[in-house]
Amino acid sequence: MLLEAATAFCRDQSPVSAVRARMGTEHGFDRAVWDAMVALGWSGLAVPESLGGSGLTLAEAATISEPMGRHLLATPFAATQLFVQGVLAGASAVQQAAWLPPVCGGAIGTVALFERDGDWTLEDIEARAVRAGASVKLEGMKMLVPDAAVADALLVSVMLDGAPALARVQRDQLGAQALQRETVIDETRRSYQLDLTGIEVPAAAMIEGAAALNALAAIRRAAWLLASAEAAGGMAGVLDVVVDYLNTRTTFGRKIGSYQSLKHTCADMLVSMERSRSHVYHCATLITEGVQPQALEVALRMAKVESGDGFVFAGDRAVQFHGGFGFTWDCDAQLFLRRALWLQHSFGDAAHHRRRLADLLLPH
């Protein structure tokens, strides 16, 4: 039921004309659409009911991400869910009671975890934090911070006393020059560089020790699942574009969709989409069942590999099928390829995950 509702919502709110119009705006999304999602309870979907949320899980969030990928809907939904998962896994009860209810009411959250070296290991952190009485001063740079310009709160990873920690930074604590928008391949996205110089937060805004490691692990798992779900949906969107074109374009007196080589490629795309969906919903099931962390990690990494590579293949073929037109700005196929390339490298590409899977499945 949730998938059906989300599919109808994304289809209605994100036709390709709206996608293109939002790409030219400052923040890349429609605030009215976000408000409608909040009214549906999606922003606080995985937040406990006692804190104002719907009391569901990350598995249900993946169900919403899939049609978002299919219709290229741009919102701060994924960034906010990463923030929520980090807080749920690492914050104290007092911190959760203060930080999560605003999210259920529509506040936007995000995470700042990556740095100039591009390391996908979240525990390898260069940014630093220094205690200053009852406060903590931050220093360093963060890259690829999603939706930072509209975020009401950010979870920023730093090294504090020689160990990973997370600092909750509020929007009014950012300096005037703290954010610089980055140029990324997916122009439906907004990504920023964050300069931590001069940012000071209360000690009570820190997540430290084992709790910080738990939070980073939860954010990583959430990122893999949501990216995989979005990519699986993206493949469905690509097929919509391709099948429509193959049944429209005529050459040598026949529809190009009648050519066997194009049919076979579409079949490959469909099979890859179904494989990816199977991986995603297997992961979602494991999350709800609370399996051992290693089993869940294996499943999530497999899902990320399958969906990431499959979406890029589908997007690339869609561009090729459109011929020279496919490489132009006016062709919708290139929008999906851009989204696919972004998701493929988000929180680790296929080669990265295959190396980790080898260690997990084939121990020396």
Protein backbone atom coordinates (compact mmCIF):
# COMPACT_ATOMS: atom_id res chain seq x y z
CA MET A 1 0.00 0.00 0.00
CA LEU A 2 2.82 2.37 0.81
CA LEU A 3 4.53 1.59 -2.50
CA GLU A 4 1.32 2.23 -4.42
CA ALA A 5 0.76 5.54 -2.62
CA ALA A 6 4.36 6.64 -3.15
CA THR A 7 4.26 5.65 -6.82
CA ALA A 8 1.11 7.68 -7.44
CA PHE A 9 2.52 10.65 -5.52
CA CYS A 10 5.82 10.69 -7.41
CA ARG A 11 4.12 10.22 -10.77
CA ASP A 12 1.80 13.16 -10.11
CA GLN A 13 4.35 15.48 -8.53
CA SER A 14 7.35 14.77 -10.74
CA PRO A 15 6.56 14.69 -14.47
CA VAL A 16 9.69 15.26 -16.53
CA SER A 17 8.66 18.86 -17.22
CA ALA A 18 8.70 19.54 -13.46
CA VAL A 19 12.03 17.73 -13.10
CA ARG A 20 13.60 20.01 -15.69
CA ALA A 21 12.04 23.13 -14.19
CA ARG A 22 13.36 22.34 -10.69
CA MET A 23 16.86 21.72 -12.03
CA GLY A 24 17.13 25.43 -12.72
CA THR A 25 16.13 26.54 -9.22
CA GLU A 26 18.49 27.43 -6.41
CA HIS A 27 17.75 24.48 -4.15
CA GLY A 28 16.60 21.97 -6.75
CA PHE A 29 13.31 20.94 -5.20
CA ASP A 30 9.78 22.22 -4.66
CA ARG A 31 9.11 23.15 -1.03
CA ALA A 32 5.39 22.54 -1.54
CA VAL A 33 6.12 18.95 -2.57
CA TRP A 34 8.27 18.50 0.53
CA ASP A 35 5.49 19.89 2.71
CA ALA A 36 3.08 17.40 1.14
CA MET A 37 5.48 14.55 1.96
CA VAL A 38 5.74 15.78 5.54
CA ALA A 39 1.94 15.85 5.77
CA LEU A 40 1.94 12.19 4.67
CA GLY A 41 4.31 11.41 7.53
CA TRP A 42 7.23 10.45 5.30
CA SER A 43 9.87 12.68 6.86
CA GLY A 44 9.37 10.99 10.24
CA LEU A 45 8.58 7.58 8.78
CA ALA A 46 11.29 5.74 10.76
CA VAL A 47 11.01 7.87 13.92
CA PRO A 48 9.33 6.23 16.93
CA GLU A 49 5.75 7.26 17.59
CA SER A 50 6.76 8.50 21.04
CA LEU A 51 8.85 11.17 19.30
CA GLY A 52 6.19 12.19 16.82
CA GLY A 53 7.02 9.80 14.00
CA SER A 54 5.21 6.96 12.25
CA GLY A 55 7.09 4.25 14.10
CA LEU A 56 8.07 2.34 10.95
CA THR A 57 11.55 1.36 9.79
CA LEU A 58 14.20 2.02 7.19
CA ALA A 59 12.60 -0.75 5.11
CA GLU A 60 9.53 1.43 4.54
CA ALA A 61 11.77 4.37 3.63
CA ALA A 62 13.25 2.23 0.85
CA THR A 63 9.73 1.62 -0.44
CA ILE A 64 9.35 5.37 -0.90
CA SER A 65 12.80 5.82 -2.46
CA GLU A 66 12.08 3.40 -5.29
CA PRO A 67 9.38 5.48 -7.07
CA MET A 68 11.41 8.62 -6.38
CA GLY A 69 14.13 7.11 -8.55
CA ARG A 70 11.64 6.10 -11.20
CA HIS A 71 10.32 9.65 -11.54
CA LEU A 72 13.54 11.53 -10.71
CA LEU A 73 11.82 13.30 -7.83
CA ALA A 74 14.31 15.59 -6.11
CA THR A 75 13.73 16.20 -2.40
CA PRO A 76 15.86 16.14 0.79
CA PHE A 77 14.18 12.83 1.74
CA ALA A 78 17.28 10.61 1.53
CA ALA A 79 19.53 13.12 3.33
CA THR A 80 16.96 13.49 6.11
CA GLN A 81 16.63 9.73 6.53
CA LEU A 82 20.41 9.38 6.89
CA PHE A 83 20.29 12.04 9.62
CA VAL A 84 17.44 10.18 11.35
CA GLN A 85 19.23 6.82 11.23
CA GLY A 86 22.40 8.33 12.66
CA VAL A 87 20.51 9.93 15.54
CA LEU A 88 18.52 6.77 16.29
CA ALA A 89 21.65 4.62 16.38
CA GLY A 90 23.99 6.92 18.29
CA ALA A 91 22.24 9.74 20.12
CA SER A 92 21.18 9.54 23.74
CA ALA A 93 17.51 9.49 24.72
CA VAL A 94 17.74 13.17 25.65
CA GLN A 95 19.31 14.07 22.30
CA GLN A 96 16.74 12.05 20.36
CA ALA A 97 13.89 13.77 22.20
CA ALA A 98 15.33 17.16 21.21
CA TRP A 99 16.49 16.40 17.66
CA LEU A 100 13.90 14.09 16.10
CA PRO A 101 10.48 15.74 16.69
CA PRO A 102 11.43 18.76 14.50
CA VAL A 103 12.20 16.33 11.65
CA CYS A 104 8.72 14.84 11.96
CA GLY A 105 7.38 18.38 11.67
CA GLY A 106 9.23 19.05 8.42
CA ALA A 107 12.75 20.08 9.47
CA ILE A 108 15.40 18.90 7.00
CA GLY A 109 18.47 16.99 8.13
CA THR A 110 21.63 15.89 6.35
CA VAL A 111 25.04 14.33 6.99
CA ALA A 112 28.56 15.65 6.28
CA LEU A 113 30.87 12.64 6.16
CA PHE A 114 33.19 12.81 3.13
CA GLU A 115 36.40 14.77 2.63
CA ARG A 116 38.84 15.71 -0.10
CA ASP A 117 40.48 12.28 -0.23
CA GLY A 118 37.20 10.66 -1.30
CA ASP A 119 37.59 7.82 1.22
CA TRP A 120 34.39 5.76 1.49
CA THR A 121 35.44 4.40 4.89
CA LEU A 122 33.47 6.70 7.14
CA GLU A 123 35.70 6.11 10.16
CA ASP A 124 38.74 7.56 8.33
CA ILE A 125 38.23 11.21 9.21
CA GLU A 126 40.51 14.22 8.76
CA ALA A 127 38.25 16.93 10.18
CA ARG A 128 39.02 17.70 13.80
CA ALA A 129 37.20 18.88 16.91
CA VAL A 130 38.80 20.45 19.98
CA ARG A 131 37.19 20.88 23.37
CA ALA A 132 36.89 24.45 24.62
CA GLY A 133 35.24 24.40 28.02
CA ALA A 134 31.57 23.54 27.58
CA SER A 135 31.88 23.82 23.80
CA VAL A 136 33.60 21.99 20.97
CA LYS A 137 35.31 23.81 18.11
CA LEU A 138 35.30 22.19 14.67
CA GLU A 139 37.88 22.53 11.92
CA GLY A 140 38.37 21.00 8.48
CA MET A 141 36.47 20.61 5.22
CA LYS A 142 33.63 18.33 4.19
CA MET A 143 32.67 17.53 0.62
CA LEU A 144 29.54 16.16 -1.08
CA VAL A 145 27.15 17.28 1.66
CA PRO A 146 23.65 16.76 0.23
CA ASP A 147 21.05 19.53 0.56
CA ALA A 148 23.22 21.41 3.04
CA ALA A 149 21.85 24.82 2.03
CA VAL A 150 18.33 23.91 3.16
CA ALA A 151 19.22 21.64 6.09
CA ASP A 152 18.08 22.71 9.52
CA ALA A 153 20.58 20.35 11.16
CA LEU A 154 23.68 18.47 10.02
CA LEU A 155 25.52 15.50 11.51
CA VAL A 156 29.20 16.19 10.90
CA SER A 157 31.87 13.53 11.41
CA VAL A 158 35.07 14.68 13.16
CA MET A 159 37.94 13.25 15.16
CA LEU A 160 37.62 14.16 18.83
CA ASP A 161 40.23 13.02 21.37
CA GLY A 162 41.64 10.64 18.77
CA ALA A 163 38.36 8.85 18.03
CA PRO A 164 35.47 9.35 15.55
CA ALA A 165 32.62 11.52 16.77
CA LEU A 166 29.58 13.25 15.32
CA ALA A 167 28.60 16.85 15.91
CA ARG A 168 25.07 18.13 15.40
CA VAL A 169 25.39 21.51 13.74
CA GLN A 170 22.39 23.79 13.37
CA ARG A 171 21.86 26.04 10.40
CA ASP A 172 22.37 29.25 12.41
CA GLN A 173 25.79 27.97 13.52
CA LEU A 174 27.13 28.03 9.96
CA GLY A 175 29.14 31.03 8.87
CA ALA A 176 28.13 33.14 5.89
CA GLN A 177 30.82 31.52 3.73
CA ALA A 178 30.64 28.02 5.18
CA LEU A 179 28.85 26.46 2.20
CA GLN A 180 29.93 26.37 -1.40
CA ARG A 181 27.81 24.60 -3.99
CA GLU A 182 29.58 21.85 -5.91
CA THR A 183 29.14 20.98 -9.57
CA VAL A 184 28.01 17.36 -9.81
CA ILE A 185 26.93 15.19 -12.73
CA ASP A 186 23.32 14.83 -11.56
CA GLU A 187 21.86 18.30 -11.90
CA THR A 188 18.69 17.31 -10.08
CA ARG A 189 20.90 17.09 -6.96
CA ARG A 190 22.36 19.78 -4.73
CA SER A 191 25.70 19.02 -3.12
CA TYR A 192 27.93 21.34 -1.11
CA GLN A 193 31.40 21.80 0.30
CA LEU A 194 31.29 22.64 4.01
CA ASP A 195 34.02 24.68 5.70
CA LEU A 196 33.99 23.93 9.43
CA THR A 197 36.23 26.87 10.33
CA GLY A 198 34.73 28.92 13.13
CA ILE A 199 31.90 26.51 13.90
CA GLU A 200 31.45 25.86 17.61
CA VAL A 201 28.80 23.59 19.11
CA PRO A 202 27.83 22.76 22.70
CA ALA A 203 29.34 19.61 24.15
CA ALA A 204 25.78 18.31 24.50
CA ALA A 205 25.55 18.31 20.68
CA MET A 206 28.25 15.64 20.35
CA ILE A 207 27.88 11.88 19.81
CA GLU A 208 31.05 10.17 20.99
CA GLY A 209 32.70 6.82 21.58
CA ALA A 210 30.98 3.58 20.62
CA ALA A 211 27.76 5.50 20.02
CA ALA A 212 29.43 7.47 17.21
CA LEU A 213 30.66 4.27 15.56
CA ASN A 214 27.14 2.84 15.79
CA ALA A 215 25.75 5.98 14.19
CA LEU A 216 28.23 5.87 11.30
CA ALA A 217 27.43 2.22 10.67
CA ALA A 218 23.69 2.94 10.66
CA ILE A 219 24.12 5.85 8.24
CA ARG A 220 26.20 3.68 5.94
CA ARG A 221 23.60 0.90 5.91
CA ALA A 222 20.81 3.38 5.26
CA ALA A 223 22.72 5.02 2.42
CA TRP A 224 23.34 1.68 0.71
CA LEU A 225 19.70 0.64 0.97
CA LEU A 226 18.17 3.93 -0.14
CA ALA A 227 20.59 4.32 -3.06
CA SER A 228 19.89 0.75 -4.18
CA ALA A 229 16.13 1.27 -3.98
CA GLU A 230 16.37 4.52 -5.91
CA ALA A 231 18.50 2.87 -8.59
CA ALA A 232 16.04 0.00 -8.95
CA GLY A 233 13.28 2.54 -9.47
CA GLY A 234 15.49 4.44 -11.89
CA MET A 235 15.75 1.36 -14.09
CA ALA A 236 11.98 1.24 -14.30
CA GLY A 237 12.00 4.89 -15.34
CA VAL A 238 14.58 4.18 -18.02
CA LEU A 239 12.46 1.35 -19.40
CA ASP A 240 9.48 3.69 -19.56
CA VAL A 241 11.48 6.14 -21.68
CA VAL A 242 13.07 3.46 -23.88
CA VAL A 243 9.95 1.42 -24.62
CA ASP A 244 8.02 4.57 -25.50
CA TYR A 245 10.76 5.66 -27.90
CA LEU A 246 11.20 2.23 -29.50
CA ASN A 247 7.47 2.12 -30.21
CA THR A 248 7.51 5.63 -31.67
CA ARG A 249 10.66 5.91 -33.81
CA THR A 250 10.35 4.50 -37.34
CA THR A 251 13.23 3.71 -39.67
CA PHE A 252 13.31 1.80 -42.93
CA GLY A 253 9.55 1.51 -42.73
CA ARG A 254 9.32 -0.23 -39.35
CA LYS A 255 9.36 0.61 -35.64
CA ILE A 256 12.87 0.27 -34.28
CA GLY A 257 11.46 -1.68 -31.35
CA SER A 258 10.87 -4.56 -33.75
CA TYR A 259 14.62 -5.13 -34.15
CA GLN A 260 15.79 -8.15 -32.20
CA SER A 261 19.00 -6.62 -30.82
CA LEU A 262 17.06 -3.78 -29.18
CA LYS A 263 14.49 -6.21 -27.78
CA HIS A 264 17.24 -8.33 -26.21
CA THR A 265 18.84 -5.30 -24.57
CA CYS A 266 15.50 -4.22 -23.13
CA ALA A 267 15.05 -7.72 -21.75
CA ASP A 268 18.47 -7.48 -20.10
CA MET A 269 17.45 -4.17 -18.54
CA LEU A 270 14.20 -5.66 -17.25
CA VAL A 271 15.95 -8.67 -15.73
CA SER A 272 18.52 -6.43 -14.05
CA MET A 273 15.74 -4.27 -12.62
CA GLU A 274 13.97 -7.30 -11.17
CA ARG A 275 17.23 -8.65 -9.72
CA SER A 276 17.88 -5.29 -8.10
CA ARG A 277 14.38 -5.11 -6.62
CA SER A 278 14.80 -8.61 -5.22
CA HIS A 279 18.06 -7.59 -3.55
CA VAL A 280 16.52 -4.40 -2.15
CA TYR A 281 13.48 -6.06 -0.62
CA HIS A 282 15.58 -8.92 0.70
CA CYS A 283 17.64 -6.30 2.53
CA ALA A 284 14.49 -4.60 3.77
CA THR A 285 13.24 -7.93 5.12
CA LEU A 286 16.53 -8.56 6.91
CA ILE A 287 16.32 -5.13 8.54
CA THR A 288 12.86 -5.78 9.90
CA GLU A 289 13.93 -9.21 11.16
CA GLY A 290 17.02 -7.84 12.92
CA VAL A 291 19.56 -10.33 11.54
CA GLN A 292 23.26 -10.40 12.38
CA PRO A 293 25.11 -7.27 11.19
CA GLN A 294 27.47 -9.22 8.90
CA ALA A 295 24.61 -10.97 7.08
CA LEU A 296 22.91 -7.61 6.55
CA GLU A 297 26.14 -6.02 5.35
CA VAL A 298 26.64 -8.76 2.77
CA ALA A 299 23.08 -8.35 1.49
CA LEU A 300 23.34 -4.55 1.32
CA ARG A 301 26.66 -4.59 -0.51
CA MET A 302 25.25 -7.07 -3.03
CA ALA A 303 22.23 -4.84 -3.56
CA LYS A 304 24.43 -1.79 -4.10
CA VAL A 305 26.55 -3.59 -6.71
CA GLU A 306 23.61 -5.04 -8.62
CA SER A 307 21.49 -1.89 -8.67
CA GLY A 308 24.36 0.51 -9.30
CA ASP A 309 25.78 -1.35 -12.27
CA GLY A 310 22.34 -2.21 -13.62
CA PHE A 311 21.13 1.40 -13.57
CA VAL A 312 24.26 2.67 -15.32
CA PHE A 313 23.92 -0.02 -18.01
CA ALA A 314 20.26 0.86 -18.55
CA GLY A 315 20.96 4.60 -18.68
CA ASP A 316 23.83 4.14 -21.10
CA ARG A 317 21.77 1.93 -23.43
CA ALA A 318 18.90 4.41 -23.32
CA VAL A 319 21.19 7.17 -24.52
CA GLN A 320 22.62 4.94 -27.26
CA PHE A 321 19.14 3.90 -28.45
CA HIS A 322 18.27 7.55 -29.03
CA GLY A 323 21.27 7.97 -31.33
CA GLY A 324 22.79 11.43 -31.61
CA PHE A 325 19.72 12.97 -29.96
CA GLY A 326 20.47 10.91 -26.85
CA PHE A 327 23.58 12.99 -26.17
CA THR A 328 21.71 16.28 -26.22
CA TRP A 329 20.20 18.22 -23.34
CA ASP A 330 16.68 17.78 -24.71
CA CYS A 331 16.73 13.99 -24.42
CA ASP A 332 15.28 12.67 -21.16
CA ALA A 333 17.45 9.54 -21.26
CA GLN A 334 20.53 11.50 -20.24
CA LEU A 335 18.79 12.64 -17.06
CA PHE A 336 18.55 9.02 -15.94
CA LEU A 337 22.16 8.29 -16.90
CA ARG A 338 23.30 11.24 -14.80
CA ARG A 339 21.29 10.00 -11.83
CA ALA A 340 22.70 6.49 -12.35
CA LEU A 341 26.31 7.67 -12.35
CA TRP A 342 25.71 9.65 -9.17
CA LEU A 343 24.12 6.72 -7.35
CA GLN A 344 26.73 4.24 -8.57
CA HIS A 345 29.47 6.09 -6.71
CA SER A 346 27.42 7.13 -3.69
CA PHE A 347 28.91 5.48 -0.58
CA GLY A 348 31.10 3.18 -2.67
CA ASP A 349 31.16 1.95 -6.26
CA ALA A 350 30.89 -1.67 -7.39
CA ALA A 351 34.63 -2.38 -7.28
CA HIS A 352 34.80 -1.10 -3.70
CA HIS A 353 31.91 -3.29 -2.57
CA ARG A 354 33.16 -6.37 -4.39
CA ARG A 355 36.48 -6.08 -2.57
CA ARG A 356 34.67 -5.89 0.75
CA LEU A 357 32.41 -8.79 -0.21
CA ALA A 358 35.45 -10.91 -0.99
CA ASP A 359 36.73 -10.30 2.53
CA LEU A 360 33.35 -11.13 4.06
CA LEU A 361 32.51 -14.21 1.98
CA LEU A 362 35.97 -15.62 1.32
CA PRO A 363 37.92 -15.12 4.56
CA HIS A 364 41.59 -16.02 4.43
